[in-house]
């Protein structure tokens, strides 16, 4: 079977994990492109992986890099994705990204409307997997009342006042904390303020807080408009984190100076690979004539895969997009136009050789090869 040719833009923490997961399958030829030589140097080359220096702001160079590929994955900051999607549409490539930015997704959807290929944004953890599992739970109800989605990427061993370590894109983190948040309240689509809606809960004996952040719902507000009384998404942190963020963003007005906030966070808050991702979804509605509640709760920890150890946020984000790419390659997702995360079957996602990492299952190289052969013979 011919290898699917993937152009991956971005060789950062998530890009490295995406490369590793796709390469382990043996079914993808991956070109990793980045403007930073040091980032490319951290990508391990193999017979199916090559590295390329590329400035994505150079439209001509980006178009040339896309030549000969079947699909492009953007692991870039959200504000670069529209340009990538435009070049992908021109080149006839399928498109995937990790964006949490609502406006970016709207613009990509416009590009997808008349495209001959598919455009699948928001393929990470939240948005991404959270939409798939939420849609799966909602379909088990005859009618819906409330849908609550809570996700957090947290250090296992918090030591600073923020009780937080940087685990992924600082630009994306600030964007979530500063931009308006979509929700459905009393059956109507609303925009809520970030950092508001504070609530506290416990899971496995550990106390958490959750509050409004932007982008995590993906397209679920559209999917469930008129079908649910309340639907919202909140980010999970350890208690006290939200109050400090309000001081930084509101009292010190760093919401208007995001470049300064980014510099402060990256200079003062260390990264960690000892993290945990928490996914907590609760759906309430009618089943067989009774008001019923169902909950999906899971914690995903750092894992060693293929001889390398990956943090929980690297693994869940990379597995999200890689599983969607793999489902697409197997004909289990639309091949044209705009593709929502909830277009993916939860059962197919979790059974997938990459998606199963969400349940802590690490496929062996032999099992991955067998699955690949089974698909080829189907």
Protein backbone atom coordinates (compact mmCIF):
# COMPACT_ATOMS: atom_id res chain seq x y z
CA UNK A 1 0.00 0.00 0.00
CA UNK A 2 1.38 3.44 -0.95
CA UNK A 3 2.29 5.71 1.94
CA UNK A 4 0.05 8.70 2.61
CA UNK A 5 2.21 11.80 2.18
CA UNK A 6 1.80 14.33 4.98
CA UNK A 7 3.26 17.83 5.23
CA UNK A 8 3.45 18.76 8.91
CA UNK A 9 3.97 22.45 9.65
CA UNK A 10 5.52 23.09 13.04
CA UNK A 11 8.29 21.14 14.78
CA UNK A 12 7.51 22.17 18.34
CA UNK A 13 6.42 19.98 21.26
CA UNK A 14 3.21 18.88 19.56
CA UNK A 15 4.76 18.60 16.10
CA UNK A 16 7.40 16.21 17.42
CA UNK A 17 4.71 13.98 18.94
CA UNK A 18 2.62 14.04 15.75
CA UNK A 19 5.65 12.97 13.72
CA UNK A 20 6.42 10.14 16.11
CA UNK A 21 2.88 8.75 16.22
CA UNK A 22 2.42 8.84 12.45
CA UNK A 23 5.85 7.34 11.79
CA UNK A 24 5.18 4.43 14.16
CA UNK A 25 2.27 3.26 12.00
CA UNK A 26 4.51 2.74 8.99
CA UNK A 27 1.79 4.09 6.70
CA UNK A 28 2.75 7.77 6.45
CA UNK A 29 5.62 9.61 4.78
CA UNK A 30 5.97 12.81 6.82
CA UNK A 31 7.76 16.01 5.84
CA UNK A 32 8.23 18.22 8.90
CA UNK A 33 8.68 21.90 8.05
CA UNK A 34 9.66 24.69 10.41
CA UNK A 35 11.48 28.01 10.19
CA UNK A 36 13.62 27.18 13.23
CA UNK A 37 16.60 24.93 12.65
CA UNK A 38 16.89 24.05 16.35
CA UNK A 39 13.29 22.81 16.38
CA UNK A 40 13.88 20.69 13.28
CA UNK A 41 16.99 19.26 14.93
CA UNK A 42 14.81 17.72 17.64
CA UNK A 43 12.80 15.75 15.07
CA UNK A 44 14.21 12.27 14.60
CA UNK A 45 14.58 11.42 10.93
CA UNK A 46 13.70 7.95 9.66
CA UNK A 47 13.15 6.32 6.29
CA UNK A 48 9.64 7.87 6.33
CA UNK A 49 10.43 11.26 7.91
CA UNK A 50 12.33 14.16 6.44
CA UNK A 51 12.91 17.72 7.66
CA UNK A 52 12.60 20.95 5.72
CA UNK A 53 13.38 24.57 6.62
CA UNK A 54 10.37 26.70 5.65
CA UNK A 55 8.98 30.15 6.40
CA UNK A 56 5.20 29.70 6.17
CA UNK A 57 4.80 33.45 5.73
CA UNK A 58 6.34 33.00 2.26
CA UNK A 59 3.25 31.95 0.30
CA UNK A 60 5.23 30.81 -2.75
CA UNK A 61 7.58 28.67 -0.66
CA UNK A 62 4.65 27.18 1.24
CA UNK A 63 2.85 26.27 -1.97
CA UNK A 64 6.02 24.66 -3.31
CA UNK A 65 6.41 22.65 -0.09
CA UNK A 66 2.87 21.31 -0.45
CA UNK A 67 3.58 19.88 -3.89
CA UNK A 68 3.58 16.08 -3.90
CA UNK A 69 1.70 15.74 -0.60
CA UNK A 70 -1.79 14.38 0.10
CA UNK A 71 -2.58 16.38 3.24
CA UNK A 72 -1.21 19.14 5.43
CA UNK A 73 -1.33 19.30 9.24
CA UNK A 74 -0.81 22.69 10.84
CA UNK A 75 0.73 22.56 14.31
CA UNK A 76 1.39 26.30 14.07
CA UNK A 77 0.02 29.18 16.17
CA UNK A 78 -3.63 29.79 15.33
CA UNK A 79 -3.03 33.11 13.58
CA UNK A 80 -1.04 31.38 10.79
CA UNK A 81 -3.67 28.78 9.94
CA UNK A 82 -5.84 30.73 7.51
CA UNK A 83 -2.86 31.31 5.21
CA UNK A 84 -2.01 27.62 5.33
CA UNK A 85 -5.61 26.67 4.57
CA UNK A 86 -5.67 29.02 1.59
CA UNK A 87 -2.56 27.41 0.11
CA UNK A 88 -3.94 23.91 0.83
CA UNK A 89 -7.13 24.74 -1.05
CA UNK A 90 -5.14 25.98 -4.04
CA UNK A 91 -2.88 22.91 -3.98
CA UNK A 92 -5.75 20.42 -3.55
CA UNK A 93 -4.57 19.04 -0.21
CA UNK A 94 -6.71 17.82 2.68
CA UNK A 95 -6.25 20.11 5.68
CA UNK A 96 -6.07 19.48 9.46
CA UNK A 97 -5.19 21.81 12.32
CA UNK A 98 -5.26 22.20 16.12
CA UNK A 99 -6.75 25.67 16.39
CA UNK A 100 -8.89 26.73 19.32
CA UNK A 101 -9.58 30.15 17.78
CA UNK A 102 -13.23 30.62 16.84
CA UNK A 103 -12.71 33.27 14.15
CA UNK A 104 -9.94 31.24 12.49
CA UNK A 105 -12.28 28.26 12.27
CA UNK A 106 -15.02 30.41 10.72
CA UNK A 107 -12.66 31.58 7.99
CA UNK A 108 -11.45 28.05 7.29
CA UNK A 109 -15.06 26.93 7.01
CA UNK A 110 -15.62 29.57 4.33
CA UNK A 111 -12.62 28.26 2.41
CA UNK A 112 -13.94 24.71 2.67
CA UNK A 113 -17.37 25.57 1.24
CA UNK A 114 -16.33 25.20 -2.39
CA UNK A 115 -13.20 23.06 -1.95
CA UNK A 116 -12.64 19.71 -3.61
CA UNK A 117 -10.84 18.40 -0.53
CA UNK A 118 -11.72 18.19 3.16
CA UNK A 119 -10.90 20.78 5.84
CA UNK A 120 -10.85 19.45 9.41
CA UNK A 121 -9.83 22.09 11.97
CA UNK A 122 -9.82 21.87 15.79
CA UNK A 123 -8.34 18.34 15.92
CA UNK A 124 -6.76 18.35 19.36
CA UNK A 125 -7.97 17.73 22.89
CA UNK A 126 -10.35 20.68 23.37
CA UNK A 127 -11.58 21.41 20.84
CA UNK A 128 -11.18 17.98 19.36
CA UNK A 129 -11.65 14.80 21.34
CA UNK A 130 -13.94 16.54 23.82
CA UNK A 131 -16.46 17.19 21.01
CA UNK A 132 -16.32 13.56 19.88
CA UNK A 133 -17.00 12.12 23.33
CA UNK A 134 -19.69 14.72 24.10
CA UNK A 135 -21.55 14.02 20.86
CA UNK A 136 -21.32 10.30 21.63
CA UNK A 137 -22.94 10.75 25.03
CA UNK A 138 -25.63 13.10 23.70
CA UNK A 139 -26.76 10.58 21.10
CA UNK A 140 -27.72 8.18 23.90
CA UNK A 141 -30.57 10.48 25.00
CA UNK A 142 -34.06 10.92 23.58
CA UNK A 143 -33.95 14.62 24.52
CA UNK A 144 -31.29 16.77 26.17
CA UNK A 145 -31.33 19.24 29.03
CA UNK A 146 -27.77 20.11 30.12
CA UNK A 147 -24.33 19.39 28.65
CA UNK A 148 -21.24 20.26 30.71
CA UNK A 149 -17.70 19.85 29.35
CA UNK A 150 -14.65 20.26 31.58
CA UNK A 151 -11.03 19.75 30.47
CA UNK A 152 -7.70 20.50 32.11
CA UNK A 153 -4.02 19.94 31.39
CA UNK A 154 -2.36 20.15 34.80
CA UNK A 155 0.98 19.44 36.46
CA UNK A 156 0.96 16.34 38.61
CA UNK A 157 3.06 18.16 41.20
CA UNK A 158 2.10 21.86 41.34
CA UNK A 159 4.67 23.96 43.23
CA UNK A 160 4.10 27.63 42.34
CA UNK A 161 1.31 30.06 43.27
CA UNK A 162 -0.39 29.52 39.89
CA UNK A 163 -0.34 25.77 40.57
CA UNK A 164 0.42 25.45 36.88
CA UNK A 165 3.22 24.65 34.46
CA UNK A 166 3.37 25.45 30.76
CA UNK A 167 2.47 22.33 28.83
CA UNK A 168 1.60 23.57 25.34
CA UNK A 169 1.33 26.74 23.19
CA UNK A 170 1.54 29.91 25.29
CA UNK A 171 -0.21 31.85 22.50
CA UNK A 172 -3.10 29.38 22.57
CA UNK A 173 -3.30 29.51 26.37
CA UNK A 174 -3.52 33.32 26.41
CA UNK A 175 -6.08 33.25 23.61
CA UNK A 176 -8.32 30.94 25.66
CA UNK A 177 -8.04 33.19 28.72
CA UNK A 178 -8.80 36.43 26.85
CA UNK A 179 -11.37 35.80 24.11
CA UNK A 180 -15.19 35.58 24.42
CA UNK A 181 -16.63 32.13 25.13
CA UNK A 182 -19.53 30.54 23.26
CA UNK A 183 -22.25 28.72 25.21
CA UNK A 184 -25.93 27.86 25.13
CA UNK A 185 -27.87 29.25 28.10
CA UNK A 186 -31.64 28.93 28.52
CA UNK A 187 -31.75 27.51 25.02
CA UNK A 188 -30.12 30.54 23.37
CA UNK A 189 -26.61 31.00 22.00
CA UNK A 190 -24.66 33.38 24.23
CA UNK A 191 -21.19 34.87 24.48
CA UNK A 192 -19.75 34.65 27.99
CA UNK A 193 -16.76 36.40 29.50
CA UNK A 194 -13.57 34.36 29.95
CA UNK A 195 -12.52 33.53 33.52
CA UNK A 196 -16.12 33.88 34.74
CA UNK A 197 -18.52 31.10 35.83
CA UNK A 198 -16.18 29.85 38.53
CA UNK A 199 -17.12 26.49 40.04
CA UNK A 200 -15.36 23.94 42.23
CA UNK A 201 -15.53 20.16 42.28
CA UNK A 202 -13.56 17.12 43.44
CA UNK A 203 -12.50 14.05 41.49
CA UNK A 204 -10.59 11.11 42.98
CA UNK A 205 -10.16 13.10 46.18
CA UNK A 206 -8.48 16.09 44.49
CA UNK A 207 -10.03 19.57 44.49
CA UNK A 208 -10.31 21.50 41.23
CA UNK A 209 -11.82 24.72 39.93
CA UNK A 210 -13.26 25.37 36.48
CA UNK A 211 -14.10 28.59 34.64
CA UNK A 212 -15.07 29.85 31.20
CA UNK A 213 -12.42 29.81 28.47
CA UNK A 214 -12.68 30.34 24.74
CA UNK A 215 -12.74 27.82 21.90
CA UNK A 216 -13.16 24.47 23.64
CA UNK A 217 -16.68 23.81 22.33
CA UNK A 218 -15.67 23.64 18.69
CA UNK A 219 -18.86 23.48 16.60
CA UNK A 220 -21.09 21.91 19.27
CA UNK A 221 -23.14 25.08 19.83
CA UNK A 222 -24.18 24.89 16.19
CA UNK A 223 -24.80 21.15 16.30
CA UNK A 224 -27.04 21.37 19.38
CA UNK A 225 -28.74 24.72 18.81
CA UNK A 226 -32.42 24.32 19.69
CA UNK A 227 -31.81 20.86 21.19
CA UNK A 228 -30.44 21.63 24.65
CA UNK A 229 -31.21 24.01 27.51
CA UNK A 230 -27.57 24.57 28.51
CA UNK A 231 -24.24 23.64 26.96
CA UNK A 232 -20.90 25.03 28.12
CA UNK A 233 -17.18 24.40 28.30
CA UNK A 234 -14.80 25.28 31.13
CA UNK A 235 -11.09 24.83 31.70
CA UNK A 236 -10.03 22.93 34.83
CA UNK A 237 -7.25 24.19 37.11
CA UNK A 238 -6.21 23.76 40.73
CA UNK A 239 -7.98 26.18 43.13
CA UNK A 240 -6.59 29.72 43.14
CA UNK A 241 -5.32 29.81 39.57
CA UNK A 242 -8.24 31.82 38.20
CA UNK A 243 -7.89 34.60 40.79
CA UNK A 244 -4.24 35.18 39.90
CA UNK A 245 -5.09 35.27 36.20
CA UNK A 246 -7.74 37.93 36.86
CA UNK A 247 -5.10 40.08 38.59
CA UNK A 248 -2.75 39.74 35.61
CA UNK A 249 -5.33 40.19 32.87
CA UNK A 250 -7.70 42.71 34.44
CA UNK A 251 -6.05 44.59 37.29
CA UNK A 252 -2.67 44.85 35.48
CA UNK A 253 -4.40 45.12 32.06
CA UNK A 254 -2.19 42.51 30.43
CA UNK A 255 -5.21 41.44 28.39
CA UNK A 256 -4.30 44.44 26.21
CA UNK A 257 -0.59 43.56 26.21
CA UNK A 258 -0.52 39.87 25.36
CA UNK A 259 3.07 39.98 24.13
CA UNK A 260 4.20 41.11 27.58
CA UNK A 261 2.10 38.44 29.28
CA UNK A 262 3.60 35.79 27.01
CA UNK A 263 7.14 36.92 27.83
CA UNK A 264 6.42 36.91 31.57
CA UNK A 265 4.84 33.45 31.53
CA UNK A 266 7.56 31.85 29.42
CA UNK A 267 10.33 33.44 31.53
CA UNK A 268 8.81 32.55 34.90
CA UNK A 269 6.64 29.43 34.54
CA UNK A 270 8.61 26.28 33.69
CA UNK A 271 7.44 23.53 31.37
CA UNK A 272 6.83 20.03 32.69
CA UNK A 273 6.44 16.59 31.20
CA UNK A 274 4.96 15.30 34.47
CA UNK A 275 1.38 16.26 33.75
CA UNK A 276 -2.14 14.88 33.70
CA UNK A 277 -5.00 15.61 31.33
CA UNK A 278 -8.48 15.52 32.83
CA UNK A 279 -11.57 15.02 30.65
CA UNK A 280 -14.94 15.32 32.40
CA UNK A 281 -18.24 15.43 30.49
CA UNK A 282 -21.71 15.28 32.03
CA UNK A 283 -24.94 15.06 30.00
CA UNK A 284 -28.44 15.23 31.49
CA UNK A 285 -31.63 14.43 29.61
CA UNK A 286 -34.44 11.96 29.10
CA UNK A 287 -33.88 8.24 28.63
CA UNK A 288 -36.83 5.83 28.55
CA UNK A 289 -39.04 8.47 30.15
CA UNK A 290 -36.69 9.20 33.08
CA UNK A 291 -34.49 12.22 33.73
CA UNK A 292 -31.03 10.64 33.56
CA UNK A 293 -27.41 11.73 33.81
CA UNK A 294 -24.39 10.09 32.18
CA UNK A 295 -20.77 11.07 32.78
CA UNK A 296 -17.50 10.40 31.00
CA UNK A 297 -14.49 10.97 33.27
CA UNK A 298 -10.91 10.11 32.43
CA UNK A 299 -7.37 11.05 33.40
CA UNK A 300 -4.55 10.57 30.91
CA UNK A 301 -0.94 10.60 32.09
CA UNK A 302 2.43 10.87 30.37
CA UNK A 303 3.39 7.67 28.56
CA UNK A 304 6.39 6.08 26.92
CA UNK A 305 5.63 5.22 23.30
CA UNK A 306 8.13 3.83 20.82
CA UNK A 307 11.05 4.39 23.17
CA UNK A 308 10.24 8.06 23.91
CA UNK A 309 8.32 9.57 26.79
CA UNK A 310 5.59 12.06 25.93
CA UNK A 311 3.75 14.40 28.27
CA UNK A 312 0.00 13.93 28.64
CA UNK A 313 -0.82 17.13 26.72
CA UNK A 314 1.60 16.24 23.92
CA UNK A 315 0.08 12.79 23.66
CA UNK A 316 -3.59 13.79 23.79
CA UNK A 317 -3.20 16.71 21.38
CA UNK A 318 -1.08 14.77 18.89
CA UNK A 319 -3.23 11.64 19.16
CA UNK A 320 -6.31 13.74 18.48
CA UNK A 321 -5.12 15.03 15.13
CA UNK A 322 -3.29 11.84 14.15
CA UNK A 323 -6.37 9.70 14.80
CA UNK A 324 -8.47 12.05 12.65
CA UNK A 325 -5.89 11.83 9.86
CA UNK A 326 -5.89 8.04 10.18
CA UNK A 327 -9.69 7.83 10.16
CA UNK A 328 -9.73 10.07 7.09
CA UNK A 329 -7.18 7.85 5.32
CA UNK A 330 -9.38 4.83 6.06
CA UNK A 331 -12.45 6.44 4.55
CA UNK A 332 -14.24 7.00 7.87
CA UNK A 333 -14.55 10.80 7.53
CA UNK A 334 -15.96 13.03 4.78
CA UNK A 335 -13.55 13.54 1.89
CA UNK A 336 -14.77 16.98 0.88
CA UNK A 337 -15.81 20.25 2.52
CA UNK A 338 -15.84 21.26 6.17
CA UNK A 339 -15.53 18.39 8.67
CA UNK A 340 -16.67 18.78 12.27
CA UNK A 341 -15.07 16.82 15.10
CA UNK A 342 -18.47 15.30 15.87
CA UNK A 343 -18.46 13.80 12.35
CA UNK A 344 -16.07 11.22 13.81
CA UNK A 345 -17.54 8.18 15.56
CA UNK A 346 -16.35 7.85 19.16
CA UNK A 347 -16.23 4.06 18.81
CA UNK A 348 -14.13 4.29 15.65
CA UNK A 349 -11.85 6.89 17.26
CA UNK A 350 -11.19 4.87 20.41
CA UNK A 351 -10.73 1.65 18.41
CA UNK A 352 -8.23 3.39 16.13
CA UNK A 353 -4.58 2.45 16.61
CA UNK A 354 -3.74 6.07 17.54
CA UNK A 355 -7.00 7.17 19.15
CA UNK A 356 -6.74 4.33 21.67
CA UNK A 357 -3.96 6.21 23.45
CA UNK A 358 -6.78 8.19 25.06
CA UNK A 359 -7.67 5.08 27.00
CA UNK A 360 -4.10 4.38 27.98
CA UNK A 361 -3.63 1.57 25.49
CA UNK A 362 -0.22 1.50 23.83
CA UNK A 363 -0.34 -0.65 20.67
CA UNK A 364 2.74 -2.72 19.90
CA UNK A 365 4.48 -2.26 16.57
CA UNK A 366 3.26 -5.73 15.59
CA UNK A 367 -0.40 -4.91 16.36
CA UNK A 368 -0.16 -1.65 14.41
CA UNK A 369 1.22 -3.51 11.40
CA UNK A 370 -1.54 -6.12 11.62
CA UNK A 371 -4.18 -3.37 11.76
CA UNK A 372 -2.60 -1.70 8.74
CA UNK A 373 -2.65 -4.96 6.76
CA UNK A 374 -6.26 -5.62 7.74
CA UNK A 375 -7.27 -2.21 6.42
CA UNK A 376 -5.33 -2.69 3.21
CA UNK A 377 -7.12 -6.01 2.59
CA UNK A 378 -10.58 -4.67 3.45
